[in-house]
Amino acid sequence: MGRRRTLAMALAATTLGGLVAVAAPQAAFAEDAMCRTTRGDSDFYPGPSASATYDSTFHNSVEVPAGLLEGRYVPQGLAYWNNWNGTSEDILLISAYHDGNGNKDPDGPSAIFGVVLSGDRRGTGLGRMLIPTTHAGGIAMAGGYVYVGGEGRVRYWSAKVVRNHLKGANSSSTVTPKDSHGVRGKASFLGRQGGSVWIGDFDSDSHQHMWRYKPRDDGSLRYTDTKRWVPRKTQGMAVIGKKFVFGTSEGRSDRSNVWVRPTSLTTDITDGTSFCMRAPSMIEGLAYGTSNGNAHLWAVYESGSYTYRDSVNPIKNIHWADGSTLAGLYGKAD
């Protein structure tokens, strides 16, 4: 359903007992038929095509580290770290919870993993840093700190501490965060915009909000009195210029969605204020950055984990899209 139909819905009136009732615009839910749904001929991920638009916009990137998947961790959040070790090497950070018996509940220390994006070691999985048990729904890096969200709290460590653990041999010791504190909402996902961190809520049934925080010098977060609407079932978000990108999903048998929406909009999400396309099942964290001179958005999927091994699209690679191409989909018919 395109914007013209949304406008028509908003203007449609029914005379009832001499009164005129005006239909409000329909909110664009995560399984909304207004998304681009036509399937394509994907050959870069397992299972059926999610949509022709996704298949032409996204591509395979590096694999999720084998130690993450084989260790029965479930990938959740994604963050980009430019020149992480002073050698011009870029990496992606992945937050993950441990689920040894595959019942979807964290059952031991969670972890931060790293995978190299650029240079001679591209695709190499780094060490992991164990963190206190959490769903680890989102991860972000800002102000020299790494933040992990879950259960209404955000824990954070200095970048130096995380770097040292990723460079070293895997340890069985859990690394205590510098601090943690409660935030607005459930901290289901995190995303970075410049020097700020967005922290938002997942909900199966209704649109929710995300709230913008700024790191202080000591790593603690200050709420900026800024919030935005997010689609229901939001699992991850990133910012490309003046556009938000959201990944929404729930259920191993259902397709996900990728949404694009201007950062300036403060109103609720409708078909007329967003672009949406179907994506493979079980999308999770998103991250945006410039690596090797290319501005990319990356997406990680939990469908390749042991817990969700019977999902429609069991994806073990991170996917990437050109940033300007993805952001440019806003305003096109969906």
C-alpha atoms as a PDB file:
ATOM      1  CA  MET A   1       0.000   0.000   0.000  1.00  0.00           C
ATOM      2  CA  GLY A   2       1.569   3.326  -1.017  1.00  0.00           C
ATOM      3  CA  ARG A   3       1.279   6.871   0.280  1.00  0.00           C
ATOM      4  CA  ARG A   4      -1.605   7.794  -1.999  1.00  0.00           C
ATOM      5  CA  ARG A   5      -3.739   5.069  -0.452  1.00  0.00           C
ATOM      6  CA  THR A   6      -2.779   6.215   3.041  1.00  0.00           C
ATOM      7  CA  LEU A   7      -3.877   9.747   2.186  1.00  0.00           C
ATOM      8  CA  ALA A   8      -7.116   8.413   0.790  1.00  0.00           C
ATOM      9  CA  MET A   9      -7.706   6.479   4.002  1.00  0.00           C
ATOM     10  CA  ALA A  10      -7.147   9.609   6.058  1.00  0.00           C
ATOM     11  CA  LEU A  11      -9.667  11.559   3.972  1.00  0.00           C
ATOM     12  CA  ALA A  12     -12.267   8.803   3.653  1.00  0.00           C
ATOM     13  CA  ALA A  13     -15.500   9.684   5.460  1.00  0.00           C
ATOM     14  CA  THR A  14     -18.594   7.719   6.304  1.00  0.00           C
ATOM     15  CA  THR A  15     -21.900   9.460   7.018  1.00  0.00           C
ATOM     16  CA  LEU A  16     -23.477   7.917  10.086  1.00  0.00           C
ATOM     17  CA  GLY A  17     -26.526   9.502  11.743  1.00  0.00           C
ATOM     18  CA  GLY A  18     -25.681  12.860  10.234  1.00  0.00           C
ATOM     19  CA  LEU A  19     -22.122  12.744  11.568  1.00  0.00           C
ATOM     20  CA  VAL A  20     -18.983  12.344   9.515  1.00  0.00           C
ATOM     21  CA  ALA A  21     -16.334   9.952  10.837  1.00  0.00           C
ATOM     22  CA  VAL A  22     -12.854  10.395   9.390  1.00  0.00           C
ATOM     23  CA  ALA A  23     -10.629   7.325   9.260  1.00  0.00           C
ATOM     24  CA  ALA A  24      -7.216   7.816  10.827  1.00  0.00           C
ATOM     25  CA  PRO A  25      -4.077   6.644   8.975  1.00  0.00           C
ATOM     26  CA  GLN A  26      -3.309   3.001   9.666  1.00  0.00           C
ATOM     27  CA  ALA A  27      -0.142   2.474  11.661  1.00  0.00           C
ATOM     28  CA  ALA A  28       2.487   0.480   9.796  1.00  0.00           C
ATOM     29  CA  PHE A  29       2.965  -2.639  11.894  1.00  0.00           C
ATOM     30  CA  ALA A  30       5.898  -5.025  11.599  1.00  0.00           C
ATOM     31  CA  GLU A  31       4.049  -7.499   9.381  1.00  0.00           C
ATOM     32  CA  ASP A  32       2.306  -4.709   7.509  1.00  0.00           C
ATOM     33  CA  ALA A  33       1.206  -5.507   3.971  1.00  0.00           C
ATOM     34  CA  MET A  34       2.362  -2.007   3.049  1.00  0.00           C
ATOM     35  CA  CYS A  35       5.952  -3.277   3.083  1.00  0.00           C
ATOM     36  CA  ARG A  36       7.544  -4.465  -0.152  1.00  0.00           C
ATOM     37  CA  THR A  37       6.829  -8.176  -0.059  1.00  0.00           C
ATOM     38  CA  THR A  38       7.498  -9.464  -3.592  1.00  0.00           C
ATOM     39  CA  ARG A  39      10.060 -12.243  -3.331  1.00  0.00           C
ATOM     40  CA  GLY A  40      13.214 -12.369  -5.414  1.00  0.00           C
ATOM     41  CA  ASP A  41      15.824 -15.001  -6.262  1.00  0.00           C
ATOM     42  CA  SER A  42      18.300 -14.724  -3.417  1.00  0.00           C
ATOM     43  CA  ASP A  43      21.447 -16.795  -3.713  1.00  0.00           C
ATOM     44  CA  PHE A  44      23.467 -15.337  -0.832  1.00  0.00           C
ATOM     45  CA  TYR A  45      21.516 -16.624   2.171  1.00  0.00           C
ATOM     46  CA  PRO A  46      19.779 -19.948   2.920  1.00  0.00           C
ATOM     47  CA  GLY A  47      16.041 -20.433   2.701  1.00  0.00           C
ATOM     48  CA  PRO A  48      13.482 -18.611   0.573  1.00  0.00           C
ATOM     49  CA  SER A  49      13.938 -15.049  -0.607  1.00  0.00           C
ATOM     50  CA  ALA A  50      12.631 -12.439   1.824  1.00  0.00           C
ATOM     51  CA  SER A  51      11.964  -9.848  -0.892  1.00  0.00           C
ATOM     52  CA  ALA A  52      13.407  -8.756  -4.190  1.00  0.00           C
ATOM     53  CA  THR A  53      14.210  -5.355  -2.688  1.00  0.00           C
ATOM     54  CA  TYR A  54      16.223  -6.884   0.145  1.00  0.00           C
ATOM     55  CA  ASP A  55      18.019  -9.209  -2.252  1.00  0.00           C
ATOM     56  CA  SER A  56      19.138  -6.298  -4.442  1.00  0.00           C
ATOM     57  CA  THR A  57      20.025  -3.998  -1.530  1.00  0.00           C
ATOM     58  CA  PHE A  58      21.890  -6.289   0.880  1.00  0.00           C
ATOM     59  CA  HIS A  59      24.912  -8.555   0.377  1.00  0.00           C
ATOM     60  CA  ASN A  60      27.015 -11.051   2.319  1.00  0.00           C
ATOM     61  CA  SER A  61      29.691  -9.715   4.634  1.00  0.00           C
ATOM     62  CA  VAL A  62      31.908 -11.575   7.106  1.00  0.00           C
ATOM     63  CA  GLU A  63      30.716 -14.630   9.008  1.00  0.00           C
ATOM     64  CA  VAL A  64      29.524 -14.444  12.588  1.00  0.00           C
ATOM     65  CA  PRO A  65      32.491 -15.784  14.629  1.00  0.00           C
ATOM     66  CA  ALA A  66      32.442 -19.567  14.848  1.00  0.00           C
ATOM     67  CA  GLY A  67      33.124 -19.412  18.563  1.00  0.00           C
ATOM     68  CA  LEU A  68      29.881 -17.517  19.052  1.00  0.00           C
ATOM     69  CA  LEU A  69      27.655 -19.922  17.158  1.00  0.00           C
ATOM     70  CA  GLU A  70      29.448 -23.136  18.116  1.00  0.00           C
ATOM     71  CA  GLY A  71      29.520 -21.996  21.743  1.00  0.00           C
ATOM     72  CA  ARG A  72      25.701 -21.805  21.645  1.00  0.00           C
ATOM     73  CA  TYR A  73      25.525 -18.062  22.012  1.00  0.00           C
ATOM     74  CA  VAL A  74      22.696 -16.136  20.360  1.00  0.00           C
ATOM     75  CA  PRO A  75      23.768 -12.912  18.564  1.00  0.00           C
ATOM     76  CA  GLN A  76      21.765  -9.827  19.502  1.00  0.00           C
ATOM     77  CA  GLY A  77      23.339  -6.367  19.199  1.00  0.00           C
ATOM     78  CA  LEU A  78      25.820  -5.029  16.650  1.00  0.00           C
ATOM     79  CA  ALA A  79      28.235  -2.079  16.833  1.00  0.00           C
ATOM     80  CA  TYR A  80      30.945  -0.699  14.537  1.00  0.00           C
ATOM     81  CA  TRP A  81      34.432   0.124  15.873  1.00  0.00           C
ATOM     82  CA  ASN A  82      36.719   2.070  13.553  1.00  0.00           C
ATOM     83  CA  ASN A  83      40.494   1.581  13.904  1.00  0.00           C
ATOM     84  CA  TRP A  84      39.935  -0.412  17.049  1.00  0.00           C
ATOM     85  CA  ASN A  85      43.581  -1.276  17.749  1.00  0.00           C
ATOM     86  CA  GLY A  86      45.513   1.573  16.133  1.00  0.00           C
ATOM     87  CA  THR A  87      46.389  -0.374  12.970  1.00  0.00           C
ATOM     88  CA  SER A  88      43.554   1.005  10.762  1.00  0.00           C
ATOM     89  CA  GLU A  89      41.706  -2.277  11.277  1.00  0.00           C
ATOM     90  CA  ASP A  90      37.920  -1.977  11.698  1.00  0.00           C
ATOM     91  CA  ILE A  91      35.763  -4.486  13.529  1.00  0.00           C
ATOM     92  CA  LEU A  92      32.172  -5.234  14.425  1.00  0.00           C
ATOM     93  CA  LEU A  93      31.189  -5.957  18.027  1.00  0.00           C
ATOM     94  CA  ILE A  94      28.413  -8.483  18.647  1.00  0.00           C
ATOM     95  CA  SER A  95      26.608  -8.817  21.968  1.00  0.00           C
ATOM     96  CA  ALA A  96      25.217 -12.292  22.624  1.00  0.00           C
ATOM     97  CA  TYR A  97      23.577 -14.323  25.354  1.00  0.00           C
ATOM     98  CA  HIS A  98      24.398 -17.951  26.110  1.00  0.00           C
ATOM     99  CA  ASP A  99      21.677 -20.558  25.592  1.00  0.00           C
ATOM    100  CA  GLY A 100      23.158 -24.010  25.983  1.00  0.00           C
ATOM    101  CA  ASN A 101      19.863 -25.910  25.953  1.00  0.00           C
ATOM    102  CA  GLY A 102      18.185 -23.838  23.233  1.00  0.00           C
ATOM    103  CA  ASN A 103      15.180 -22.682  25.273  1.00  0.00           C
ATOM    104  CA  LYS A 104      15.680 -18.956  24.517  1.00  0.00           C
ATOM    105  CA  ASP A 105      16.651 -18.078  28.099  1.00  0.00           C
ATOM    106  CA  PRO A 106      20.155 -16.873  29.057  1.00  0.00           C
ATOM    107  CA  ASP A 107      21.763 -19.628  31.120  1.00  0.00           C
ATOM    108  CA  GLY A 108      25.261 -18.335  31.833  1.00  0.00           C
ATOM    109  CA  PRO A 109      27.510 -15.341  31.323  1.00  0.00           C
ATOM    110  CA  SER A 110      26.733 -13.347  28.191  1.00  0.00           C
ATOM    111  CA  ALA A 111      29.535 -12.092  25.960  1.00  0.00           C
ATOM    112  CA  ILE A 112      30.913  -9.489  23.592  1.00  0.00           C
ATOM    113  CA  PHE A 113      32.520 -10.904  20.449  1.00  0.00           C
ATOM    114  CA  GLY A 114      34.491  -9.165  17.718  1.00  0.00           C
ATOM    115  CA  VAL A 115      35.046  -9.869  14.020  1.00  0.00           C
ATOM    116  CA  VAL A 116      37.478  -8.051  11.713  1.00  0.00           C
ATOM    117  CA  LEU A 117      36.000  -6.079   8.813  1.00  0.00           C
ATOM    118  CA  SER A 118      39.067  -4.727   7.009  1.00  0.00           C
ATOM    119  CA  GLY A 119      42.665  -5.466   6.166  1.00  0.00           C
ATOM    120  CA  ASP A 120      44.556  -8.739   5.872  1.00  0.00           C
ATOM    121  CA  ARG A 121      42.663 -10.291   8.773  1.00  0.00           C
ATOM    122  CA  ARG A 122      39.193  -9.572   7.370  1.00  0.00           C
ATOM    123  CA  GLY A 123      36.723 -12.197   8.579  1.00  0.00           C
ATOM    124  CA  THR A 124      38.856 -13.240  11.550  1.00  0.00           C
ATOM    125  CA  GLY A 125      36.988 -13.779  14.797  1.00  0.00           C
ATOM    126  CA  LEU A 126      38.636 -12.146  17.808  1.00  0.00           C
ATOM    127  CA  GLY A 127      38.578 -13.208  21.428  1.00  0.00           C
ATOM    128  CA  ARG A 128      35.454 -12.818  23.500  1.00  0.00           C
ATOM    129  CA  MET A 129      34.750 -10.935  26.688  1.00  0.00           C
ATOM    130  CA  LEU A 130      32.355 -12.549  29.135  1.00  0.00           C
ATOM    131  CA  ILE A 131      29.907 -10.162  30.814  1.00  0.00           C
ATOM    132  CA  PRO A 132      27.208 -10.620  33.480  1.00  0.00           C
ATOM    133  CA  THR A 133      24.205 -12.657  32.365  1.00  0.00           C
ATOM    134  CA  THR A 134      21.776 -10.571  30.328  1.00  0.00           C
ATOM    135  CA  HIS A 135      19.733 -10.835  27.158  1.00  0.00           C
ATOM    136  CA  ALA A 136      22.316  -8.401  25.712  1.00  0.00           C
ATOM    137  CA  GLY A 137      19.709  -7.049  23.315  1.00  0.00           C
ATOM    138  CA  GLY A 138      21.805  -4.123  22.124  1.00  0.00           C
ATOM    139  CA  ILE A 139      25.368  -2.838  22.022  1.00  0.00           C
ATOM    140  CA  ALA A 140      26.751   0.597  21.164  1.00  0.00           C
ATOM    141  CA  MET A 141      30.091   2.355  21.324  1.00  0.00           C
ATOM    142  CA  ALA A 142      30.319   6.062  22.117  1.00  0.00           C
ATOM    143  CA  GLY A 143      32.560   8.401  24.064  1.00  0.00           C
ATOM    144  CA  GLY A 144      35.253   5.797  24.618  1.00  0.00           C
ATOM    145  CA  TYR A 145      32.864   3.295  26.210  1.00  0.00           C
ATOM    146  CA  VAL A 146      31.035   0.148  25.140  1.00  0.00           C
ATOM    147  CA  TYR A 147      27.409  -0.113  26.281  1.00  0.00           C
ATOM    148  CA  VAL A 148      25.268  -3.254  26.484  1.00  0.00           C
ATOM    149  CA  GLY A 149      21.533  -3.104  27.226  1.00  0.00           C
ATOM    150  CA  GLY A 150      18.971  -5.503  28.618  1.00  0.00           C
ATOM    151  CA  GLU A 151      16.250  -5.839  31.270  1.00  0.00           C
ATOM    152  CA  GLY A 152      15.910  -2.083  31.661  1.00  0.00           C
ATOM    153  CA  ARG A 153      19.577  -1.475  32.456  1.00  0.00           C
ATOM    154  CA  VAL A 154      22.686  -0.484  30.544  1.00  0.00           C
ATOM    155  CA  ARG A 155      26.099  -1.780  31.582  1.00  0.00           C
ATOM    156  CA  TYR A 156      29.276  -0.188  30.288  1.00  0.00           C
ATOM    157  CA  TRP A 157      33.010  -0.810  30.065  1.00  0.00           C
ATOM    158  CA  SER A 158      35.850   1.366  28.822  1.00  0.00           C
ATOM    159  CA  ALA A 159      36.930   0.723  25.251  1.00  0.00           C
ATOM    160  CA  LYS A 160      40.390  -0.109  26.593  1.00  0.00           C
ATOM    161  CA  VAL A 161      39.051  -2.943  28.738  1.00  0.00           C
ATOM    162  CA  VAL A 162      37.067  -4.404  25.857  1.00  0.00           C
ATOM    163  CA  ARG A 163      40.011  -4.055  23.473  1.00  0.00           C
ATOM    164  CA  ASN A 164      42.365  -5.874  25.803  1.00  0.00           C
ATOM    165  CA  HIS A 165      39.981  -8.809  26.185  1.00  0.00           C
ATOM    166  CA  LEU A 166      39.303  -9.112  22.456  1.00  0.00           C
ATOM    167  CA  LYS A 167      43.044  -9.109  21.763  1.00  0.00           C
ATOM    168  CA  GLY A 168      43.785 -11.747  24.393  1.00  0.00           C
ATOM    169  CA  ALA A 169      42.982 -15.406  24.846  1.00  0.00           C
ATOM    170  CA  ASN A 170      39.434 -16.255  25.848  1.00  0.00           C
ATOM    171  CA  SER A 171      39.011 -16.151  29.593  1.00  0.00           C
ATOM    172  CA  SER A 172      36.405 -17.943  31.680  1.00  0.00           C
ATOM    173  CA  SER A 173      36.198 -14.945  34.020  1.00  0.00           C
ATOM    174  CA  THR A 174      33.257 -12.556  33.804  1.00  0.00           C
ATOM    175  CA  VAL A 175      34.311  -8.934  33.436  1.00  0.00           C
ATOM    176  CA  THR A 176      32.514  -6.620  35.838  1.00  0.00           C
ATOM    177  CA  PRO A 177      31.263  -3.430  34.145  1.00  0.00           C
ATOM    178  CA  LYS A 178      32.544  -0.057  35.244  1.00  0.00           C
ATOM    179  CA  ASP A 179      28.958   0.673  36.221  1.00  0.00           C
ATOM    180  CA  SER A 180      25.333   0.085  35.270  1.00  0.00           C
ATOM    181  CA  HIS A 181      22.177   2.067  35.761  1.00  0.00           C
ATOM    182  CA  GLY A 182      18.504   2.049  34.922  1.00  0.00           C
ATOM    183  CA  VAL A 183      17.234   3.812  31.816  1.00  0.00           C
ATOM    184  CA  ARG A 184      13.869   4.624  30.287  1.00  0.00           C
ATOM    185  CA  GLY A 185      12.194   1.545  28.867  1.00  0.00           C
ATOM    186  CA  LYS A 186      13.612  -1.965  28.728  1.00  0.00           C
ATOM    187  CA  ALA A 187      16.882  -1.301  26.869  1.00  0.00           C
ATOM    188  CA  SER A 188      15.850  -3.922  24.311  1.00  0.00           C
ATOM    189  CA  PHE A 189      18.126  -2.424  21.648  1.00  0.00           C
ATOM    190  CA  LEU A 190      20.818   0.238  21.335  1.00  0.00           C
ATOM    191  CA  GLY A 191      22.117   2.323  18.446  1.00  0.00           C
ATOM    192  CA  ARG A 192      24.555   5.158  17.950  1.00  0.00           C
ATOM    193  CA  GLN A 193      24.010   8.574  16.380  1.00  0.00           C
ATOM    194  CA  GLY A 194      27.206  10.611  16.421  1.00  0.00           C
ATOM    195  CA  GLY A 195      28.158  10.953  20.068  1.00  0.00           C
ATOM    196  CA  SER A 196      24.742   9.865  21.335  1.00  0.00           C
ATOM    197  CA  VAL A 197      23.233   6.484  22.161  1.00  0.00           C
ATOM    198  CA  TRP A 198      19.607   5.611  21.400  1.00  0.00           C
ATOM    199  CA  ILE A 199      18.043   3.119  23.820  1.00  0.00           C
ATOM    200  CA  GLY A 200      14.680   1.603  22.923  1.00  0.00           C
ATOM    201  CA  ASP A 201      11.929  -0.891  23.611  1.00  0.00           C
ATOM    202  CA  PHE A 202      10.800  -4.070  21.879  1.00  0.00           C
ATOM    203  CA  ASP A 203       7.095  -4.897  22.031  1.00  0.00           C
ATOM    204  CA  SER A 204       5.184  -7.563  20.132  1.00  0.00           C
ATOM    205  CA  ASP A 205       1.906  -5.698  19.905  1.00  0.00           C
ATOM    206  CA  SER A 206       2.420  -1.954  19.658  1.00  0.00           C
ATOM    207  CA  HIS A 207       4.749   0.810  18.607  1.00  0.00           C
ATOM    208  CA  GLN A 208       7.164   1.897  21.310  1.00  0.00           C
ATOM    209  CA  HIS A 209       9.770   4.610  21.879  1.00  0.00           C
ATOM    210  CA  MET A 210      13.501   5.001  21.962  1.00  0.00           C
ATOM    211  CA  TRP A 211      15.284   7.636  24.030  1.00  0.00           C
ATOM    212  CA  ARG A 212      18.525   9.492  23.271  1.00  0.00           C
ATOM    213  CA  TYR A 213      21.324   9.627  25.841  1.00  0.00           C
ATOM    214  CA  LYS A 214      24.705  11.371  25.844  1.00  0.00           C
ATOM    215  CA  PRO A 215      27.748   9.823  27.536  1.00  0.00           C
ATOM    216  CA  ARG A 216      29.453  11.868  30.219  1.00  0.00           C
ATOM    217  CA  ASP A 217      33.233  11.801  30.576  1.00  0.00           C
ATOM    218  CA  ASP A 218      32.977   8.983  33.116  1.00  0.00           C
ATOM    219  CA  GLY A 219      30.780   6.859  30.821  1.00  0.00           C
ATOM    220  CA  SER A 220      27.497   7.441  32.637  1.00  0.00           C
ATOM    221  CA  LEU A 221      24.568   8.396  30.419  1.00  0.00           C
ATOM    222  CA  ARG A 222      22.539  11.605  30.527  1.00  0.00           C
ATOM    223  CA  TYR A 223      19.034  11.632  29.062  1.00  0.00           C
ATOM    224  CA  THR A 224      18.650  14.430  26.502  1.00  0.00           C
ATOM    225  CA  ASP A 225      14.845  14.778  26.706  1.00  0.00           C
ATOM    226  CA  THR A 226      14.588  13.454  23.152  1.00  0.00           C
ATOM    227  CA  LYS A 227      12.570  10.452  22.094  1.00  0.00           C
ATOM    228  CA  ARG A 228      11.254   8.936  18.857  1.00  0.00           C
ATOM    229  CA  TRP A 229       8.673   6.321  17.868  1.00  0.00           C
ATOM    230  CA  VAL A 230       9.843   2.891  16.734  1.00  0.00           C
ATOM    231  CA  PRO A 231       7.899   0.071  14.997  1.00  0.00           C
ATOM    232  CA  ARG A 232       6.627  -2.832  17.044  1.00  0.00           C
ATOM    233  CA  LYS A 233       9.029  -5.758  17.234  1.00  0.00           C
ATOM    234  CA  THR A 234      12.091  -3.528  16.835  1.00  0.00           C
ATOM    235  CA  GLN A 235      15.268  -5.537  17.414  1.00  0.00           C
ATOM    236  CA  GLY A 236      17.905  -3.075  16.228  1.00  0.00           C
ATOM    237  CA  MET A 237      18.454   0.409  14.829  1.00  0.00           C
ATOM    238  CA  ALA A 238      21.116   2.542  13.197  1.00  0.00           C
ATOM    239  CA  VAL A 239      21.378   6.059  11.785  1.00  0.00           C
ATOM    240  CA  ILE A 240      22.452   6.912   8.232  1.00  0.00           C
ATOM    241  CA  GLY A 241      22.738  10.674   7.893  1.00  0.00           C
ATOM    242  CA  LYS A 242      19.227  12.002   8.495  1.00  0.00           C
ATOM    243  CA  LYS A 243      17.518   8.605   8.346  1.00  0.00           C
ATOM    244  CA  PHE A 244      16.754   6.035  11.005  1.00  0.00           C
ATOM    245  CA  VAL A 245      16.924   2.381   9.952  1.00  0.00           C
ATOM    246  CA  PHE A 246      15.053  -0.179  12.048  1.00  0.00           C
ATOM    247  CA  GLY A 247      15.151  -3.976  11.946  1.00  0.00           C
ATOM    248  CA  THR A 248      11.991  -5.680  13.224  1.00  0.00           C
ATOM    249  CA  SER A 249      11.314  -9.376  13.741  1.00  0.00           C
ATOM    250  CA  GLU A 250       9.759 -12.027  15.946  1.00  0.00           C
ATOM    251  CA  GLY A 251       9.414 -15.747  15.334  1.00  0.00           C
ATOM    252  CA  ARG A 252      11.580 -18.212  13.463  1.00  0.00           C
ATOM    253  CA  SER A 253       8.941 -18.824  10.769  1.00  0.00           C
ATOM    254  CA  ASP A 254       8.205 -15.187   9.879  1.00  0.00           C
ATOM    255  CA  ARG A 255      10.061 -12.748   7.690  1.00  0.00           C
ATOM    256  CA  SER A 256      11.618  -9.667   9.249  1.00  0.00           C
ATOM    257  CA  ASN A 257      11.275  -6.070   8.073  1.00  0.00           C
ATOM    258  CA  VAL A 258      13.730  -3.253   7.439  1.00  0.00           C
ATOM    259  CA  TRP A 259      12.341   0.268   7.861  1.00  0.00           C
ATOM    260  CA  VAL A 260      13.720   3.663   6.790  1.00  0.00           C
ATOM    261  CA  ARG A 261      12.367   6.877   8.307  1.00  0.00           C
ATOM    262  CA  PRO A 262      13.598  10.503   8.698  1.00  0.00           C
ATOM    263  CA  THR A 263      15.226  11.306  12.032  1.00  0.00           C
ATOM    264  CA  SER A 264      13.330  14.590  12.204  1.00  0.00           C
ATOM    265  CA  LEU A 265       9.852  13.070  12.477  1.00  0.00           C
ATOM    266  CA  THR A 266       8.328  13.072  15.955  1.00  0.00           C
ATOM    267  CA  THR A 267       4.933  11.650  14.977  1.00  0.00           C
ATOM    268  CA  ASP A 268       3.964   7.980  15.150  1.00  0.00           C
ATOM    269  CA  ILE A 269       4.985   5.694  12.297  1.00  0.00           C
ATOM    270  CA  THR A 270       2.619   5.301   9.339  1.00  0.00           C
ATOM    271  CA  ASP A 271       3.034   4.099   5.780  1.00  0.00           C
ATOM    272  CA  GLY A 272       3.314   7.712   4.669  1.00  0.00           C
ATOM    273  CA  THR A 273       6.190   8.465   7.046  1.00  0.00           C
ATOM    274  CA  SER A 274       8.342   5.385   6.437  1.00  0.00           C
ATOM    275  CA  PHE A 275       9.647   2.916   3.867  1.00  0.00           C
ATOM    276  CA  CYS A 276       9.503  -0.809   4.598  1.00  0.00           C
ATOM    277  CA  MET A 277      10.762  -4.004   2.951  1.00  0.00           C
ATOM    278  CA  ARG A 278      10.679  -7.653   3.966  1.00  0.00           C
ATOM    279  CA  ALA A 279      13.967  -9.134   5.227  1.00  0.00           C
ATOM    280  CA  PRO A 280      15.045 -12.695   6.130  1.00  0.00           C
ATOM    281  CA  SER A 281      13.805 -14.199   9.379  1.00  0.00           C
ATOM    282  CA  MET A 282      15.126 -13.094  12.765  1.00  0.00           C
ATOM    283  CA  ILE A 283      17.033  -9.895  12.080  1.00  0.00           C
ATOM    284  CA  GLU A 284      18.677  -8.446  15.180  1.00  0.00           C
ATOM    285  CA  GLY A 285      21.255  -5.668  15.605  1.00  0.00           C
ATOM    286  CA  LEU A 286      22.189  -3.020  13.033  1.00  0.00           C
ATOM    287  CA  ALA A 287      25.322  -0.883  12.783  1.00  0.00           C
ATOM    288  CA  TYR A 288      26.541   1.826  10.431  1.00  0.00           C
ATOM    289  CA  GLY A 289      30.034   3.079   9.620  1.00  0.00           C
ATOM    290  CA  THR A 290      32.703   3.661   6.994  1.00  0.00           C
ATOM    291  CA  SER A 291      35.192   0.844   6.453  1.00  0.00           C
ATOM    292  CA  ASN A 292      37.724   0.704   3.612  1.00  0.00           C
ATOM    293  CA  GLY A 293      36.216   3.937   2.309  1.00  0.00           C
ATOM    294  CA  ASN A 294      32.738   2.400   1.997  1.00  0.00           C
ATOM    295  CA  ALA A 295      29.795   3.661   4.062  1.00  0.00           C
ATOM    296  CA  HIS A 296      27.846   0.530   4.948  1.00  0.00           C
ATOM    297  CA  LEU A 297      25.020  -0.601   7.185  1.00  0.00           C
ATOM    298  CA  TRP A 298      25.473  -4.083   8.643  1.00  0.00           C
ATOM    299  CA  ALA A 299      22.828  -6.458  10.004  1.00  0.00           C
ATOM    300  CA  VAL A 300      23.246  -9.545  12.165  1.00  0.00           C
ATOM    301  CA  TYR A 301      20.730 -12.402  12.457  1.00  0.00           C
ATOM    302  CA  GLU A 302      20.024 -14.730  15.379  1.00  0.00           C
ATOM    303  CA  SER A 303      18.620 -17.357  13.004  1.00  0.00           C
ATOM    304  CA  GLY A 304      22.026 -18.988  12.557  1.00  0.00           C
ATOM    305  CA  SER A 305      22.301 -19.882  16.238  1.00  0.00           C
ATOM    306  CA  TYR A 306      21.703 -23.301  17.770  1.00  0.00           C
ATOM    307  CA  THR A 307      18.584 -21.971  19.476  1.00  0.00           C
ATOM    308  CA  TYR A 308      16.956 -21.052  16.172  1.00  0.00           C
ATOM    309  CA  ARG A 309      18.530 -23.670  13.908  1.00  0.00           C
ATOM    310  CA  ASP A 310      15.107 -24.533  12.421  1.00  0.00           C
ATOM    311  CA  SER A 311      14.342 -20.965  11.333  1.00  0.00           C
ATOM    312  CA  VAL A 312      13.199 -20.127   7.799  1.00  0.00           C
ATOM    313  CA  ASN A 313      16.507 -18.406   6.965  1.00  0.00           C
ATOM    314  CA  PRO A 314      19.336 -19.809   9.145  1.00  0.00           C
ATOM    315  CA  ILE A 315      21.862 -17.041   8.414  1.00  0.00           C
ATOM    316  CA  LYS A 316      25.440 -17.264   9.691  1.00  0.00           C
ATOM    317  CA  ASN A 317      26.858 -14.277   7.800  1.00  0.00           C
ATOM    318  CA  ILE A 318      26.492 -10.630   8.633  1.00  0.00           C
ATOM    319  CA  HIS A 319      24.816  -8.741   5.777  1.00  0.00           C
ATOM    320  CA  TRP A 320      25.698  -5.289   4.472  1.00  0.00           C
ATOM    321  CA  ALA A 321      23.996  -2.603   2.415  1.00  0.00           C
ATOM    322  CA  ASP A 322      25.351   0.581   0.867  1.00  0.00           C
ATOM    323  CA  GLY A 323      24.344   3.371   3.210  1.00  0.00           C
ATOM    324  CA  SER A 324      23.200   5.933   0.646  1.00  0.00           C
ATOM    325  CA  THR A 325      21.284   3.287  -1.351  1.00  0.00           C
ATOM    326  CA  LEU A 326      19.397   2.115   1.731  1.00  0.00           C
ATOM    327  CA  ALA A 327      18.649   5.621   3.019  1.00  0.00           C
ATOM    328  CA  GLY A 328      17.536   6.629  -0.468  1.00  0.00           C
ATOM    329  CA  LEU A 329      14.665   4.124  -0.396  1.00  0.00           C
ATOM    330  CA  TYR A 330      12.680   6.496   1.795  1.00  0.00           C
ATOM    331  CA  GLY A 331      10.111   8.280  -0.350  1.00  0.00           C
ATOM    332  CA  LYS A 332       9.783   5.397  -2.804  1.00  0.00           C
ATOM    333  CA  ALA A 333       6.557   3.427  -3.058  1.00  0.00           C
ATOM    334  CA  ASP A 334       6.378   0.364  -0.866  1.00  0.00           C
END
